[in-house]
């Protein structure tokens, strides 16, 4: 429903923008659930689900037997084929040399290498030090994505080509915890599939990275400190507690000093998020200012 006074979309008994009471809104009513559209086609999903069922017991046996890295790599190659859809002979290689040094595994597609994979033995806990060599490999070759895995645990990194070269953990998962019945789990696995690296893909690792750049505590924290967000809090506070008077400055101080942890508003990540949100708010205001008034349209 939209406010008849200002046109703002409302889902509360009053408009958060102008304060007009909207008696028609039933706050106790539940909206119908809208199922999200899957980014994974049915055929790919079936392959992933079957692969999960096949390799979970294989990986459990590997852990019990405490197999070495070489044997773990053999399992990982089979997983790349049966779960992620790569061709063992065309797309997966252990012969990708960087400065005369070979990385564990590389994915080849259309003459390019979009992903390097650093492998560790099945029983080894993954640590940041393990990815350092693969990060250097990727940086030297201009490769943007690196995966670190022991077969069951996977960590996916984006290489940041800055000075100095850096890496960013985009997401991670434990295969033992993945369920073929959960769409979110299927989608997490899909991002590593051969289909996700094709131009026709509905979603790619770059898309996921862009989403993670926004959906994090730093950006959300900075959004909550913007003037529009604090205005909404102030108006809601006034409606709930008519006798209480508090300005935006007071609310900003309470949110930033008493509610947020220091890491959300301080440090490089917080500063970067503040800059990003500031640009987005400025753009929003610019678009709003230049939007034509309906009555003036010819």
Protein backbone atom coordinates (compact mmCIF):
# COMPACT_ATOMS: atom_id res chain seq x y z
CA UNK A 1 0.00 0.00 0.00
CA UNK A 2 1.08 3.55 -0.67
CA UNK A 3 0.48 6.65 1.46
CA UNK A 4 -2.33 8.78 -0.09
CA UNK A 5 -0.59 11.94 1.09
CA UNK A 6 3.02 11.57 -0.03
CA UNK A 7 3.00 8.37 -2.10
CA UNK A 8 5.53 6.59 0.14
CA UNK A 9 5.18 2.79 0.33
CA UNK A 10 3.89 1.81 3.78
CA UNK A 11 3.55 -1.43 5.71
CA UNK A 12 2.88 0.06 9.15
CA UNK A 13 -0.22 1.83 10.61
CA UNK A 14 1.41 5.18 9.76
CA UNK A 15 3.58 6.58 6.99
CA UNK A 16 7.26 6.63 7.93
CA UNK A 17 7.78 9.59 5.59
CA UNK A 18 5.00 12.08 6.46
CA UNK A 19 3.46 10.52 9.58
CA UNK A 20 -0.06 10.11 8.16
CA UNK A 21 -2.09 7.45 9.95
CA UNK A 22 -3.00 4.50 7.71
CA UNK A 23 -5.79 2.63 9.56
CA UNK A 24 -6.23 0.07 6.78
CA UNK A 25 -2.89 -1.57 7.55
CA UNK A 26 -3.12 -4.66 9.72
CA UNK A 27 0.24 -5.12 11.40
CA UNK A 28 -0.73 -8.62 12.45
CA UNK A 29 -1.39 -9.76 8.92
CA UNK A 30 1.26 -11.88 7.25
CA UNK A 31 2.23 -11.31 3.65
CA UNK A 32 2.25 -14.30 1.30
CA UNK A 33 5.62 -15.97 1.01
CA UNK A 34 7.29 -15.43 -2.34
CA UNK A 35 9.67 -18.20 -3.25
CA UNK A 36 12.93 -16.87 -4.72
CA UNK A 37 13.73 -17.89 -8.27
CA UNK A 38 16.59 -20.37 -8.31
CA UNK A 39 19.72 -19.50 -10.25
CA UNK A 40 20.36 -23.23 -10.76
CA UNK A 41 18.71 -25.12 -13.61
CA UNK A 42 17.13 -28.46 -12.75
CA UNK A 43 19.71 -30.55 -14.58
CA UNK A 44 22.60 -28.86 -12.75
CA UNK A 45 20.78 -29.23 -9.43
CA UNK A 46 20.31 -32.95 -9.99
CA UNK A 47 24.03 -33.34 -10.72
CA UNK A 48 24.98 -31.42 -7.56
CA UNK A 49 22.57 -33.38 -5.35
CA UNK A 50 23.80 -36.71 -6.73
CA UNK A 51 27.42 -35.59 -6.28
CA UNK A 52 26.83 -34.64 -2.65
CA UNK A 53 25.33 -38.06 -1.93
CA UNK A 54 28.25 -39.79 -3.64
CA UNK A 55 31.18 -37.90 -2.11
CA UNK A 56 30.12 -37.38 1.50
CA UNK A 57 30.87 -41.03 2.41
CA UNK A 58 34.04 -40.95 0.28
CA UNK A 59 35.34 -37.92 2.19
CA UNK A 60 34.41 -39.45 5.55
CA UNK A 61 36.47 -42.54 4.72
CA UNK A 62 39.34 -40.29 3.61
CA UNK A 63 39.29 -38.50 6.96
CA UNK A 64 39.28 -41.76 8.92
CA UNK A 65 42.14 -43.14 6.82
CA UNK A 66 44.03 -39.81 7.10
CA UNK A 67 45.01 -39.98 3.43
CA UNK A 68 47.84 -37.85 2.08
CA UNK A 69 47.57 -34.76 -0.12
CA UNK A 70 48.15 -36.61 -3.37
CA UNK A 71 45.26 -39.00 -2.74
CA UNK A 72 43.08 -36.09 -1.62
CA UNK A 73 43.76 -34.32 -4.92
CA UNK A 74 42.52 -37.42 -6.75
CA UNK A 75 39.21 -37.20 -4.89
CA UNK A 76 38.96 -33.45 -5.52
CA UNK A 77 39.43 -33.96 -9.26
CA UNK A 78 36.59 -36.48 -9.27
CA UNK A 79 34.44 -33.99 -7.33
CA UNK A 80 35.20 -31.27 -9.87
CA UNK A 81 33.81 -33.55 -12.55
CA UNK A 82 30.84 -35.20 -10.81
CA UNK A 83 29.60 -32.26 -8.71
CA UNK A 84 30.82 -29.18 -10.52
CA UNK A 85 30.52 -30.44 -14.10
CA UNK A 86 34.08 -30.06 -15.44
CA UNK A 87 35.64 -32.43 -17.94
CA UNK A 88 38.59 -34.17 -16.33
CA UNK A 89 40.68 -34.06 -19.48
CA UNK A 90 39.71 -30.70 -20.95
CA UNK A 91 39.05 -28.46 -17.93
CA UNK A 92 41.16 -29.73 -15.02
CA UNK A 93 44.94 -29.70 -15.00
CA UNK A 94 47.82 -30.06 -12.57
CA UNK A 95 50.27 -28.92 -15.22
CA UNK A 96 49.61 -25.18 -14.99
CA UNK A 97 53.03 -23.63 -14.42
CA UNK A 98 53.65 -20.15 -13.04
CA UNK A 99 57.27 -19.04 -13.03
CA UNK A 100 58.31 -22.68 -13.47
CA UNK A 101 56.28 -23.73 -10.44
CA UNK A 102 53.15 -25.86 -10.73
CA UNK A 103 50.00 -25.11 -8.75
CA UNK A 104 47.93 -28.02 -7.41
CA UNK A 105 44.99 -27.69 -9.79
CA UNK A 106 43.77 -25.16 -12.34
CA UNK A 107 40.47 -24.86 -14.17
CA UNK A 108 40.79 -24.21 -17.91
CA UNK A 109 37.95 -22.78 -19.97
CA UNK A 110 38.18 -21.46 -23.52
CA UNK A 111 41.94 -21.09 -23.32
CA UNK A 112 41.82 -19.16 -20.04
CA UNK A 113 42.29 -20.07 -16.38
CA UNK A 114 39.56 -18.45 -14.23
CA UNK A 115 40.24 -20.45 -11.07
CA UNK A 116 43.21 -21.93 -9.21
CA UNK A 117 42.71 -24.59 -6.54
CA UNK A 118 45.14 -25.11 -3.66
CA UNK A 119 44.67 -28.60 -2.19
CA UNK A 120 45.55 -29.92 1.25
CA UNK A 121 45.29 -33.40 2.73
CA UNK A 122 41.81 -34.43 3.86
CA UNK A 123 42.66 -34.23 7.55
CA UNK A 124 44.44 -30.86 7.46
CA UNK A 125 42.68 -27.82 8.91
CA UNK A 126 42.71 -24.97 6.40
CA UNK A 127 44.65 -21.87 7.41
CA UNK A 128 45.36 -18.51 5.80
CA UNK A 129 49.02 -19.44 5.31
CA UNK A 130 47.92 -22.25 2.99
CA UNK A 131 46.48 -19.81 0.48
CA UNK A 132 49.51 -17.53 0.33
CA UNK A 133 51.32 -19.46 -2.40
CA UNK A 134 48.20 -19.81 -4.54
CA UNK A 135 47.53 -16.09 -4.10
CA UNK A 136 50.99 -15.32 -5.44
CA UNK A 137 50.40 -17.70 -8.35
CA UNK A 138 47.10 -16.00 -9.18
CA UNK A 139 48.56 -12.50 -8.88
CA UNK A 140 51.46 -13.36 -11.20
CA UNK A 141 49.04 -14.72 -13.81
CA UNK A 142 46.21 -12.21 -13.49
CA UNK A 143 43.80 -14.86 -12.19
CA UNK A 144 41.01 -13.42 -10.04
CA UNK A 145 39.76 -16.48 -8.14
CA UNK A 146 41.46 -19.01 -5.88
CA UNK A 147 39.93 -21.89 -3.92
CA UNK A 148 41.53 -23.55 -0.91
CA UNK A 149 40.21 -27.00 -0.03
CA UNK A 150 40.89 -30.29 1.71
CA UNK A 151 37.96 -31.91 -0.08
CA UNK A 152 35.32 -31.27 2.57
CA UNK A 153 36.06 -27.64 3.52
CA UNK A 154 36.25 -25.01 0.79
CA UNK A 155 37.30 -21.37 1.01
CA UNK A 156 36.84 -19.13 -2.03
CA UNK A 157 39.02 -16.04 -2.36
CA UNK A 158 38.87 -13.04 -4.68
CA UNK A 159 42.31 -11.66 -5.61
CA UNK A 160 42.44 -7.88 -5.24
CA UNK A 161 44.88 -6.44 -7.75
CA UNK A 162 46.08 -3.46 -5.73
CA UNK A 163 49.40 -2.41 -4.24
CA UNK A 164 50.15 -4.59 -2.43
CA UNK A 165 48.24 -7.55 -3.88
CA UNK A 166 45.54 -8.65 -1.47
CA UNK A 167 42.88 -11.36 -1.18
CA UNK A 168 39.34 -11.36 0.17
CA UNK A 169 37.47 -14.38 1.47
CA UNK A 170 34.15 -14.25 -0.38
CA UNK A 171 32.55 -17.37 1.08
CA UNK A 172 33.29 -20.79 2.53
CA UNK A 173 31.42 -24.02 3.13
CA UNK A 174 31.78 -27.49 4.60
CA UNK A 175 30.54 -30.19 2.25
CA UNK A 176 29.41 -32.34 5.18
CA UNK A 177 27.02 -29.56 6.22
CA UNK A 178 25.56 -29.03 2.75
CA UNK A 179 22.09 -30.38 2.01
CA UNK A 180 20.70 -31.26 -1.38
CA UNK A 181 17.29 -30.14 -0.10
CA UNK A 182 18.36 -26.56 0.66
CA UNK A 183 18.31 -24.15 -2.26
CA UNK A 184 20.88 -21.86 -0.62
CA UNK A 185 23.35 -24.76 -0.31
CA UNK A 186 22.83 -25.77 -3.94
CA UNK A 187 23.48 -22.19 -5.02
CA UNK A 188 26.68 -21.95 -2.99
CA UNK A 189 27.99 -25.01 -4.82
CA UNK A 190 26.75 -23.69 -8.15
CA UNK A 191 29.11 -20.69 -8.01
CA UNK A 192 32.02 -23.12 -8.48
CA UNK A 193 30.36 -25.07 -11.31
CA UNK A 194 31.50 -24.84 -14.91
CA UNK A 195 28.16 -23.23 -15.81
CA UNK A 196 28.83 -20.30 -13.46
CA UNK A 197 31.94 -19.37 -15.48
CA UNK A 198 30.01 -19.21 -18.75
CA UNK A 199 28.63 -15.97 -20.20
CA UNK A 200 25.09 -17.36 -20.15
CA UNK A 201 25.21 -17.95 -16.38
CA UNK A 202 22.41 -16.49 -14.26
CA UNK A 203 24.93 -15.77 -11.50
CA UNK A 204 28.72 -15.72 -11.22
CA UNK A 205 31.37 -15.47 -8.53
CA UNK A 206 31.70 -11.79 -9.43
CA UNK A 207 27.97 -11.34 -8.77
CA UNK A 208 28.32 -13.04 -5.40
CA UNK A 209 31.33 -10.89 -4.56
CA UNK A 210 29.41 -7.71 -5.45
CA UNK A 211 26.55 -8.84 -3.22
CA UNK A 212 28.93 -9.57 -0.32
CA UNK A 213 30.40 -6.08 -0.74
CA UNK A 214 27.03 -4.65 0.24
CA UNK A 215 25.46 -7.28 2.49
CA UNK A 216 27.88 -7.00 5.40
CA UNK A 217 27.85 -5.40 8.83
CA UNK A 218 29.96 -2.43 7.76
CA UNK A 219 27.70 -1.26 4.94
CA UNK A 220 24.47 -2.02 6.81
CA UNK A 221 25.88 -0.19 9.82
CA UNK A 222 26.68 2.89 7.76
CA UNK A 223 23.21 2.79 6.16
CA UNK A 224 21.66 2.87 9.63
CA UNK A 225 23.68 6.01 10.35
CA UNK A 226 22.47 7.89 7.28
CA UNK A 227 20.04 10.79 7.66
CA UNK A 228 17.09 8.99 5.99
CA UNK A 229 17.48 5.98 8.32
CA UNK A 230 17.76 8.13 11.45
CA UNK A 231 14.80 10.20 10.28
CA UNK A 232 12.76 7.00 10.12
CA UNK A 233 13.84 6.01 13.63
CA UNK A 234 12.98 9.49 14.95
CA UNK A 235 9.51 9.43 13.35
CA UNK A 236 8.78 5.93 14.66
CA UNK A 237 10.00 6.93 18.11
CA UNK A 238 7.67 9.95 18.04
CA UNK A 239 4.72 7.73 17.11
CA UNK A 240 5.43 5.13 19.77
CA UNK A 241 6.35 7.62 22.49
CA UNK A 242 4.64 10.98 21.74
CA UNK A 243 6.05 12.66 24.86
CA UNK A 244 9.67 11.88 23.99
CA UNK A 245 11.62 14.41 21.94
CA UNK A 246 14.95 13.43 20.39
CA UNK A 247 16.80 14.96 17.47
CA UNK A 248 18.76 13.19 14.77
CA UNK A 249 22.07 14.13 16.40
CA UNK A 250 21.07 12.45 19.67
CA UNK A 251 19.89 9.30 17.89
CA UNK A 252 23.05 9.18 15.77
CA UNK A 253 25.15 9.35 18.93
CA UNK A 254 23.19 6.56 20.64
CA UNK A 255 23.37 4.26 17.63
CA UNK A 256 27.06 4.83 16.91
CA UNK A 257 28.35 4.97 20.50
CA UNK A 258 26.03 2.70 22.49
CA UNK A 259 24.63 0.15 20.02
CA UNK A 260 27.34 -0.47 17.43
CA UNK A 261 30.63 -2.20 18.12
CA UNK A 262 33.65 -0.04 17.41
CA UNK A 263 34.77 -2.23 14.49
CA UNK A 264 31.60 -1.36 12.58
CA UNK A 265 32.35 2.37 12.49
CA UNK A 266 36.16 2.40 12.75
CA UNK A 267 38.93 0.93 10.62
CA UNK A 268 39.58 0.62 6.90
CA UNK A 269 36.53 -1.54 6.16
CA UNK A 270 34.23 0.88 7.98
CA UNK A 271 35.73 3.88 6.19
CA UNK A 272 35.32 2.17 2.83
CA UNK A 273 31.70 1.31 3.65
CA UNK A 274 31.00 4.89 4.74
CA UNK A 275 32.38 6.19 1.45
CA UNK A 276 30.33 3.67 -0.56
CA UNK A 277 27.08 4.43 1.28
CA UNK A 278 27.72 8.17 1.03
CA UNK A 279 28.05 7.93 -2.76
CA UNK A 280 24.88 5.84 -2.99
CA UNK A 281 22.87 8.31 -0.88
CA UNK A 282 24.16 11.24 -2.93
CA UNK A 283 23.20 9.45 -6.15
CA UNK A 284 19.74 8.70 -4.75
CA UNK A 285 19.20 12.34 -3.86
CA UNK A 286 20.41 13.48 -7.27
CA UNK A 287 18.01 11.15 -9.06
CA UNK A 288 15.16 12.32 -6.83
CA UNK A 289 15.93 15.98 -7.54
CA UNK A 290 15.97 15.56 -11.32
CA UNK A 291 12.91 13.29 -11.50
CA UNK A 292 10.07 15.05 -13.38
CA UNK A 293 6.88 15.95 -11.57
CA UNK A 294 4.02 13.83 -13.02
CA UNK A 295 1.76 16.85 -13.44
CA UNK A 296 4.36 18.58 -15.60
CA UNK A 297 4.75 15.73 -18.07
CA UNK A 298 3.52 16.49 -21.56
